[in-house]
Amino acid sequence: MTNDTFTDIAIRITSELSALNANMKNVLDKLADHEQRLDELERGSKEDWKTQLLMLLAKAVVIGGVSIAALVGAGGLLDKIIR
């Protein structure tokens, strides 16, 4: 083998390694983006205070309705027991 052959092989190896390096940089950038998205998902959704307030109001209405229904039903039952 001559020096030209070794030079050609070294140039090919160098070019292949630079292509792999560039590819790895792209993959690492994509992984960093995915990691950021996963962090946002794990920390919870970003709901504003208006959404949270509406959810609490809906819960309060449901709890109030169930409480009133239970009291009305219990009142009728207590009326029958007392009389």
N, C-alpha and C. Protein backbone atom coordinates (compact mmCIF):
# COMPACT_ATOMS: atom_id res chain seq x y z
N MET A 1 0.84 -1.17 0.00
CA MET A 1 0.00 0.00 0.00
C MET A 1 0.89 1.24 0.00
N THR A 2 0.40 2.19 -0.67
CA THR A 2 1.20 3.42 -0.80
C THR A 2 0.67 4.48 0.15
N ASN A 3 1.40 5.56 0.22
CA ASN A 3 0.98 6.68 1.07
C ASN A 3 -0.33 7.29 0.59
N ASP A 4 -0.57 7.27 -0.72
CA ASP A 4 -1.83 7.81 -1.25
C ASP A 4 -3.01 6.98 -0.78
N THR A 5 -2.85 5.69 -0.71
CA THR A 5 -3.92 4.81 -0.24
C THR A 5 -4.22 5.08 1.23
N PHE A 6 -3.17 5.21 2.02
CA PHE A 6 -3.38 5.52 3.44
C PHE A 6 -4.04 6.88 3.62
N THR A 7 -3.65 7.82 2.81
CA THR A 7 -4.24 9.17 2.88
C THR A 7 -5.72 9.12 2.51
N ASP A 8 -6.05 8.38 1.47
CA ASP A 8 -7.45 8.25 1.05
C ASP A 8 -8.29 7.57 2.15
N ILE A 9 -7.72 6.52 2.76
CA ILE A 9 -8.44 5.83 3.83
C ILE A 9 -8.63 6.76 5.02
N ALA A 10 -7.60 7.52 5.38
CA ALA A 10 -7.70 8.45 6.50
C ALA A 10 -8.73 9.54 6.22
N ILE A 11 -8.78 10.03 5.00
CA ILE A 11 -9.76 11.06 4.63
C ILE A 11 -11.18 10.49 4.69
N ARG A 12 -11.36 9.25 4.20
CA ARG A 12 -12.69 8.62 4.26
C ARG A 12 -13.13 8.40 5.69
N ILE A 13 -12.22 7.92 6.54
CA ILE A 13 -12.56 7.70 7.95
C ILE A 13 -12.92 9.01 8.62
N THR A 14 -12.16 10.05 8.34
CA THR A 14 -12.43 11.37 8.94
C THR A 14 -13.79 11.91 8.49
N SER A 15 -14.09 11.76 7.21
CA SER A 15 -15.37 12.26 6.72
C SER A 15 -16.54 11.46 7.31
N GLU A 16 -16.38 10.15 7.45
CA GLU A 16 -17.43 9.33 8.05
C GLU A 16 -17.63 9.69 9.53
N LEU A 17 -16.53 9.91 10.23
CA LEU A 17 -16.64 10.30 11.64
C LEU A 17 -17.31 11.66 11.79
N SER A 18 -17.01 12.61 10.91
CA SER A 18 -17.67 13.91 11.01
C SER A 18 -19.16 13.80 10.70
N ALA A 19 -19.53 12.92 9.76
CA ALA A 19 -20.95 12.71 9.47
C ALA A 19 -21.65 12.10 10.67
N LEU A 20 -21.00 11.13 11.31
CA LEU A 20 -21.59 10.52 12.50
C LEU A 20 -21.71 11.53 13.64
N ASN A 21 -20.71 12.37 13.78
CA ASN A 21 -20.74 13.39 14.83
C ASN A 21 -21.89 14.37 14.61
N ALA A 22 -22.09 14.79 13.37
CA ALA A 22 -23.19 15.70 13.06
C ALA A 22 -24.53 15.03 13.33
N ASN A 23 -24.63 13.74 12.98
CA ASN A 23 -25.86 13.00 13.22
C ASN A 23 -26.14 12.88 14.71
N MET A 24 -25.11 12.60 15.48
CA MET A 24 -25.27 12.49 16.94
C MET A 24 -25.69 13.81 17.55
N LYS A 25 -25.18 14.92 17.05
CA LYS A 25 -25.59 16.23 17.57
C LYS A 25 -27.07 16.47 17.33
N ASN A 26 -27.56 16.07 16.14
CA ASN A 26 -28.99 16.21 15.85
C ASN A 26 -29.83 15.35 16.78
N VAL A 27 -29.38 14.12 17.01
CA VAL A 27 -30.11 13.22 17.89
C VAL A 27 -30.13 13.76 19.31
N LEU A 28 -29.01 14.27 19.78
CA LEU A 28 -28.95 14.82 21.14
C LEU A 28 -29.83 16.05 21.29
N ASP A 29 -29.91 16.88 20.25
CA ASP A 29 -30.80 18.04 20.30
C ASP A 29 -32.26 17.60 20.40
N LYS A 30 -32.63 16.57 19.63
CA LYS A 30 -34.00 16.06 19.70
C LYS A 30 -34.30 15.46 21.06
N LEU A 31 -33.33 14.75 21.63
CA LEU A 31 -33.53 14.18 22.96
C LEU A 31 -33.69 15.26 24.02
N ALA A 32 -32.96 16.34 23.88
CA ALA A 32 -33.09 17.45 24.82
C ALA A 32 -34.48 18.07 24.72
N ASP A 33 -35.00 18.20 23.50
CA ASP A 33 -36.36 18.73 23.33
C ASP A 33 -37.39 17.81 23.96
N HIS A 34 -37.23 16.50 23.76
CA HIS A 34 -38.16 15.54 24.35
C HIS A 34 -38.08 15.57 25.88
N GLU A 35 -36.88 15.71 26.40
CA GLU A 35 -36.72 15.77 27.85
C GLU A 35 -37.42 17.00 28.42
N GLN A 36 -37.34 18.10 27.72
CA GLN A 36 -38.01 19.32 28.18
C GLN A 36 -39.53 19.12 28.18
N ARG A 37 -40.05 18.49 27.14
CA ARG A 37 -41.50 18.24 27.07
C ARG A 37 -41.94 17.31 28.19
N LEU A 38 -41.14 16.27 28.45
CA LEU A 38 -41.49 15.34 29.52
C LEU A 38 -41.46 16.03 30.88
N ASP A 39 -40.50 16.91 31.09
CA ASP A 39 -40.45 17.66 32.35
C ASP A 39 -41.71 18.50 32.54
N GLU A 40 -42.15 19.15 31.47
CA GLU A 40 -43.37 19.96 31.55
C GLU A 40 -44.58 19.08 31.87
N LEU A 41 -44.65 17.90 31.26
CA LEU A 41 -45.78 17.00 31.52
C LEU A 41 -45.75 16.46 32.94
N GLU A 42 -44.55 16.14 33.45
CA GLU A 42 -44.45 15.60 34.80
C GLU A 42 -44.78 16.64 35.86
N ARG A 43 -44.49 17.89 35.59
CA ARG A 43 -44.77 18.94 36.57
C ARG A 43 -46.23 19.34 36.59
N GLY A 44 -47.00 18.89 35.63
CA GLY A 44 -48.43 19.17 35.62
C GLY A 44 -48.77 20.18 34.54
N SER A 45 -50.03 20.20 34.25
CA SER A 45 -50.48 21.13 33.22
C SER A 45 -50.45 22.55 33.75
N LYS A 46 -50.31 23.47 32.84
CA LYS A 46 -50.23 24.88 33.21
C LYS A 46 -51.63 25.50 33.12
N GLU A 47 -52.43 25.25 34.14
CA GLU A 47 -53.78 25.81 34.15
C GLU A 47 -53.73 27.17 34.82
N ASP A 48 -54.46 28.09 34.27
CA ASP A 48 -54.49 29.41 34.88
C ASP A 48 -55.50 29.43 36.03
N TRP A 49 -55.53 30.51 36.76
CA TRP A 49 -56.37 30.58 37.95
C TRP A 49 -57.85 30.57 37.60
N LYS A 50 -58.20 31.04 36.40
CA LYS A 50 -59.62 31.04 36.01
C LYS A 50 -60.13 29.60 35.84
N THR A 51 -59.34 28.76 35.22
CA THR A 51 -59.73 27.37 35.03
C THR A 51 -59.86 26.66 36.37
N GLN A 52 -58.91 26.91 37.26
CA GLN A 52 -58.97 26.29 38.58
C GLN A 52 -60.18 26.78 39.35
N LEU A 53 -60.51 28.06 39.23
CA LEU A 53 -61.68 28.61 39.91
C LEU A 53 -62.96 27.96 39.39
N LEU A 54 -63.07 27.80 38.08
CA LEU A 54 -64.26 27.17 37.50
C LEU A 54 -64.38 25.71 37.95
N MET A 55 -63.26 25.02 38.04
CA MET A 55 -63.31 23.63 38.51
C MET A 55 -63.75 23.57 39.97
N LEU A 56 -63.25 24.48 40.80
CA LEU A 56 -63.67 24.50 42.20
C LEU A 56 -65.14 24.85 42.35
N LEU A 57 -65.63 25.78 41.53
CA LEU A 57 -67.04 26.14 41.57
C LEU A 57 -67.92 24.95 41.16
N ALA A 58 -67.49 24.22 40.14
CA ALA A 58 -68.25 23.04 39.72
C ALA A 58 -68.29 21.99 40.83
N LYS A 59 -67.16 21.80 41.50
CA LYS A 59 -67.13 20.85 42.62
C LYS A 59 -68.05 21.31 43.74
N ALA A 60 -68.04 22.61 44.03
CA ALA A 60 -68.89 23.14 45.09
C ALA A 60 -70.36 22.95 44.77
N VAL A 61 -70.73 23.14 43.51
CA VAL A 61 -72.13 22.96 43.12
C VAL A 61 -72.54 21.50 43.27
N VAL A 62 -71.69 20.59 42.87
CA VAL A 62 -72.00 19.16 42.99
C VAL A 62 -72.11 18.77 44.46
N ILE A 63 -71.17 19.20 45.28
CA ILE A 63 -71.20 18.86 46.70
C ILE A 63 -72.43 19.48 47.37
N GLY A 64 -72.73 20.73 47.01
CA GLY A 64 -73.92 21.37 47.57
C GLY A 64 -75.20 20.66 47.18
N GLY A 65 -75.28 20.27 45.92
CA GLY A 65 -76.47 19.55 45.46
C GLY A 65 -76.65 18.21 46.15
N VAL A 66 -75.57 17.49 46.31
CA VAL A 66 -75.64 16.21 47.00
C VAL A 66 -76.02 16.41 48.47
N SER A 67 -75.45 17.44 49.09
CA SER A 67 -75.76 17.71 50.50
C SER A 67 -77.23 18.07 50.68
N ILE A 68 -77.74 18.91 49.81
CA ILE A 68 -79.16 19.31 49.91
C ILE A 68 -80.06 18.10 49.68
N ALA A 69 -79.71 17.29 48.70
CA ALA A 69 -80.52 16.10 48.43
C ALA A 69 -80.49 15.15 49.62
N ALA A 70 -79.33 15.01 50.24
CA ALA A 70 -79.24 14.13 51.40
C ALA A 70 -80.03 14.69 52.57
N LEU A 71 -79.96 16.00 52.77
CA LEU A 71 -80.72 16.61 53.87
C LEU A 71 -82.22 16.52 53.64
N VAL A 72 -82.65 16.72 52.42
CA VAL A 72 -84.08 16.63 52.12
C VAL A 72 -84.56 15.20 52.33
N GLY A 73 -83.79 14.25 51.89
CA GLY A 73 -84.16 12.85 52.07
C GLY A 73 -84.14 12.47 53.54
N ALA A 74 -83.16 12.95 54.27
CA ALA A 74 -83.07 12.66 55.70
C ALA A 74 -84.20 13.34 56.46
N GLY A 75 -84.58 14.54 56.01
CA GLY A 75 -85.69 15.24 56.67
C GLY A 75 -86.99 14.47 56.54
N GLY A 76 -87.26 13.93 55.39
CA GLY A 76 -88.47 13.13 55.20
C GLY A 76 -88.43 11.87 56.03
N LEU A 77 -87.27 11.26 56.13
CA LEU A 77 -87.11 10.05 56.93
C LEU A 77 -87.30 10.37 58.42
N LEU A 78 -86.70 11.48 58.87
CA LEU A 78 -86.85 11.86 60.29
C LEU A 78 -88.30 12.22 60.61
N ASP A 79 -89.00 12.84 59.65
CA ASP A 79 -90.40 13.18 59.87
C ASP A 79 -91.23 11.90 60.08
N LYS A 80 -90.97 10.88 59.32
CA LYS A 80 -91.70 9.62 59.47
C LYS A 80 -91.35 8.93 60.79
N ILE A 81 -90.10 9.06 61.22
CA ILE A 81 -89.70 8.41 62.48
C ILE A 81 -90.33 9.13 63.67
N ILE A 82 -90.36 10.44 63.63
CA ILE A 82 -90.86 11.22 64.76
C ILE A 82 -92.37 11.05 64.89
N ARG A 83 -93.11 10.97 63.87
CA ARG A 83 -94.58 10.89 63.95
C ARG A 83 -95.03 9.53 64.19
